[in-house]
Amino acid sequence: MDMIFKLPVLLVLLFILFSLFQGMYYLAKDDGDDNSTRVVRALTVRLVLSLLLFFILMAGYFFGFLQPHGIT
């Protein structure tokens, strides 16, 4: 059960990183083109994926897949 929860979290994190680097590439490549919205689209995807990750982690805590622990 532990790996079933970790795999989607890891995949979403990888997609977030991919979208972040994609936005950085488009920012450098488009060179100030007014009609290009690829940077905004890539960063919007990153924002949506970050919110999805937040809700996955909250659901994991709510359903008992994640347990808080103290720093020892």
N, C-alpha and C. Protein backbone atom coordinates (compact mmCIF):
# COMPACT_ATOMS: atom_id res chain seq x y z
N MET A 1 0.82 -1.19 0.00
CA MET A 1 0.00 0.00 0.00
C MET A 1 0.86 1.26 0.00
N ASP A 2 2.04 1.15 0.56
CA ASP A 2 2.92 2.31 0.67
C ASP A 2 3.39 2.77 -0.71
N MET A 3 3.76 1.84 -1.57
CA MET A 3 4.25 2.19 -2.90
C MET A 3 3.12 2.68 -3.81
N ILE A 4 1.90 2.21 -3.56
CA ILE A 4 0.76 2.66 -4.35
C ILE A 4 0.53 4.15 -4.14
N PHE A 5 0.83 4.65 -2.96
CA PHE A 5 0.65 6.07 -2.69
C PHE A 5 1.86 6.89 -3.15
N LYS A 6 3.06 6.34 -3.04
CA LYS A 6 4.26 7.10 -3.38
C LYS A 6 4.43 7.30 -4.88
N LEU A 7 4.01 6.34 -5.68
CA LEU A 7 4.20 6.43 -7.12
C LEU A 7 3.46 7.62 -7.75
N PRO A 8 2.16 7.83 -7.47
CA PRO A 8 1.51 9.02 -8.05
C PRO A 8 2.13 10.33 -7.58
N VAL A 9 2.57 10.39 -6.32
CA VAL A 9 3.20 11.61 -5.81
C VAL A 9 4.50 11.87 -6.57
N LEU A 10 5.27 10.84 -6.77
CA LEU A 10 6.53 10.99 -7.51
C LEU A 10 6.29 11.38 -8.96
N LEU A 11 5.28 10.79 -9.59
CA LEU A 11 4.97 11.15 -10.98
C LEU A 11 4.52 12.60 -11.10
N VAL A 12 3.69 13.05 -10.18
CA VAL A 12 3.24 14.45 -10.22
C VAL A 12 4.42 15.39 -10.00
N LEU A 13 5.32 15.04 -9.09
CA LEU A 13 6.52 15.87 -8.89
C LEU A 13 7.37 15.94 -10.15
N LEU A 14 7.52 14.82 -10.84
CA LEU A 14 8.30 14.82 -12.09
C LEU A 14 7.62 15.67 -13.16
N PHE A 15 6.29 15.60 -13.25
CA PHE A 15 5.57 16.43 -14.23
C PHE A 15 5.69 17.91 -13.87
N ILE A 16 5.70 18.23 -12.58
CA ILE A 16 5.88 19.63 -12.15
C ILE A 16 7.25 20.13 -12.58
N LEU A 17 8.28 19.34 -12.36
CA LEU A 17 9.62 19.75 -12.78
C LEU A 17 9.72 19.89 -14.30
N PHE A 18 9.11 18.96 -15.03
CA PHE A 18 9.12 19.04 -16.49
C PHE A 18 8.44 20.32 -16.97
N SER A 19 7.30 20.65 -16.38
CA SER A 19 6.58 21.86 -16.78
C SER A 19 7.37 23.11 -16.42
N LEU A 20 8.06 23.09 -15.29
CA LEU A 20 8.87 24.24 -14.89
C LEU A 20 10.01 24.47 -15.88
N PHE A 21 10.71 23.40 -16.25
CA PHE A 21 11.79 23.55 -17.22
C PHE A 21 11.27 23.87 -18.61
N GLN A 22 10.10 23.38 -18.94
CA GLN A 22 9.49 23.72 -20.23
C GLN A 22 9.18 25.21 -20.28
N GLY A 23 8.64 25.78 -19.21
CA GLY A 23 8.38 27.21 -19.16
C GLY A 23 9.65 28.03 -19.25
N MET A 24 10.72 27.55 -18.60
CA MET A 24 12.00 28.24 -18.67
C MET A 24 12.55 28.22 -20.11
N TYR A 25 12.41 27.09 -20.78
CA TYR A 25 12.86 26.98 -22.17
C TYR A 25 12.08 27.93 -23.07
N TYR A 26 10.75 27.95 -22.91
CA TYR A 26 9.93 28.83 -23.74
C TYR A 26 10.23 30.30 -23.45
N LEU A 27 10.55 30.61 -22.20
CA LEU A 27 10.88 31.98 -21.85
C LEU A 27 12.14 32.45 -22.59
N ALA A 28 13.11 31.56 -22.69
CA ALA A 28 14.35 31.90 -23.40
C ALA A 28 14.18 31.82 -24.91
N LYS A 29 13.35 30.92 -25.40
CA LYS A 29 13.24 30.66 -26.83
C LYS A 29 12.33 31.67 -27.54
N ASP A 30 11.22 32.08 -26.91
CA ASP A 30 10.25 32.93 -27.59
C ASP A 30 10.77 34.34 -27.84
N ASP A 31 11.69 34.81 -27.04
CA ASP A 31 12.39 36.08 -27.27
C ASP A 31 11.44 37.28 -27.40
N GLY A 32 10.46 37.36 -26.50
CA GLY A 32 9.60 38.53 -26.44
C GLY A 32 8.51 38.59 -27.46
N ASP A 33 8.12 37.50 -28.05
CA ASP A 33 7.04 37.48 -29.04
C ASP A 33 5.71 37.74 -28.33
N ASP A 34 4.95 38.72 -28.82
CA ASP A 34 3.70 39.11 -28.16
C ASP A 34 2.61 38.05 -28.32
N ASN A 35 2.61 37.30 -29.41
CA ASN A 35 1.56 36.34 -29.68
C ASN A 35 1.80 34.99 -28.99
N SER A 36 2.94 34.80 -28.43
CA SER A 36 3.27 33.51 -27.84
C SER A 36 2.79 33.45 -26.38
N THR A 37 2.01 32.44 -26.08
CA THR A 37 1.51 32.25 -24.72
C THR A 37 2.01 30.93 -24.14
N ARG A 38 3.07 30.39 -24.71
CA ARG A 38 3.55 29.08 -24.26
C ARG A 38 4.11 29.14 -22.85
N VAL A 39 4.72 30.24 -22.46
CA VAL A 39 5.26 30.36 -21.10
C VAL A 39 4.12 30.36 -20.09
N VAL A 40 3.09 31.14 -20.37
CA VAL A 40 1.95 31.22 -19.46
C VAL A 40 1.26 29.86 -19.36
N ARG A 41 1.12 29.18 -20.48
CA ARG A 41 0.47 27.87 -20.49
C ARG A 41 1.28 26.85 -19.68
N ALA A 42 2.60 26.85 -19.85
CA ALA A 42 3.46 25.91 -19.12
C ALA A 42 3.41 26.19 -17.62
N LEU A 43 3.42 27.44 -17.24
CA LEU A 43 3.38 27.77 -15.81
C LEU A 43 1.99 27.54 -15.21
N THR A 44 0.94 27.67 -16.03
CA THR A 44 -0.41 27.33 -15.57
C THR A 44 -0.52 25.83 -15.31
N VAL A 45 0.07 25.04 -16.18
CA VAL A 45 0.08 23.59 -15.97
C VAL A 45 0.83 23.26 -14.69
N ARG A 46 1.94 23.94 -14.45
CA ARG A 46 2.71 23.70 -13.23
C ARG A 46 1.89 24.05 -11.99
N LEU A 47 1.15 25.14 -12.05
CA LEU A 47 0.32 25.55 -10.92
C LEU A 47 -0.78 24.52 -10.65
N VAL A 48 -1.43 24.05 -11.69
CA VAL A 48 -2.49 23.05 -11.54
C VAL A 48 -1.92 21.76 -10.98
N LEU A 49 -0.76 21.34 -11.47
CA LEU A 49 -0.13 20.12 -10.95
C LEU A 49 0.28 20.28 -9.49
N SER A 50 0.73 21.47 -9.12
CA SER A 50 1.10 21.71 -7.72
C SER A 50 -0.12 21.63 -6.82
N LEU A 51 -1.23 22.18 -7.26
CA LEU A 51 -2.47 22.07 -6.49
C LEU A 51 -2.95 20.63 -6.40
N LEU A 52 -2.81 19.88 -7.50
CA LEU A 52 -3.16 18.47 -7.49
C LEU A 52 -2.32 17.70 -6.48
N LEU A 53 -1.02 17.99 -6.45
CA LEU A 53 -0.13 17.34 -5.49
C LEU A 53 -0.54 17.68 -4.06
N PHE A 54 -0.89 18.92 -3.82
CA PHE A 54 -1.33 19.32 -2.49
C PHE A 54 -2.58 18.54 -2.08
N PHE A 55 -3.54 18.40 -2.98
CA PHE A 55 -4.76 17.68 -2.65
C PHE A 55 -4.52 16.18 -2.50
N ILE A 56 -3.59 15.63 -3.26
CA ILE A 56 -3.23 14.22 -3.09
C ILE A 56 -2.62 14.00 -1.70
N LEU A 57 -1.74 14.89 -1.29
CA LEU A 57 -1.12 14.76 0.03
C LEU A 57 -2.15 14.95 1.16
N MET A 58 -3.07 15.88 0.97
CA MET A 58 -4.11 16.08 1.98
C MET A 58 -5.04 14.86 2.06
N ALA A 59 -5.38 14.30 0.91
CA ALA A 59 -6.22 13.09 0.90
C ALA A 59 -5.48 11.92 1.53
N GLY A 60 -4.19 11.82 1.30
CA GLY A 60 -3.40 10.77 1.92
C GLY A 60 -3.38 10.89 3.43
N TYR A 61 -3.31 12.10 3.92
CA TYR A 61 -3.36 12.30 5.37
C TYR A 61 -4.75 11.99 5.92
N PHE A 62 -5.78 12.44 5.19
CA PHE A 62 -7.16 12.26 5.64
C PHE A 62 -7.54 10.77 5.69
N PHE A 63 -7.11 10.00 4.71
CA PHE A 63 -7.46 8.58 4.66
C PHE A 63 -6.48 7.69 5.39
N GLY A 64 -5.45 8.27 5.99
CA GLY A 64 -4.56 7.50 6.83
C GLY A 64 -3.35 6.90 6.13
N PHE A 65 -3.10 7.27 4.88
CA PHE A 65 -1.92 6.77 4.18
C PHE A 65 -0.65 7.45 4.68
N LEU A 66 -0.78 8.68 5.12
CA LEU A 66 0.34 9.46 5.65
C LEU A 66 0.13 9.65 7.15
N GLN A 67 1.16 9.43 7.89
CA GLN A 67 1.11 9.62 9.33
C GLN A 67 2.14 10.68 9.72
N PRO A 68 1.73 11.70 10.48
CA PRO A 68 2.71 12.68 10.93
C PRO A 68 3.63 12.07 11.98
N HIS A 69 4.84 12.53 11.98
CA HIS A 69 5.80 12.04 12.97
C HIS A 69 6.68 13.20 13.41
N GLY A 70 7.21 13.09 14.60
CA GLY A 70 8.04 14.14 15.15
C GLY A 70 9.48 13.97 14.69
N ILE A 71 10.23 15.03 14.77
CA ILE A 71 11.64 14.99 14.42
C ILE A 71 12.42 14.54 15.65
N THR A 72 13.09 13.41 15.54
CA THR A 72 13.87 12.90 16.67
C THR A 72 15.28 12.62 16.26
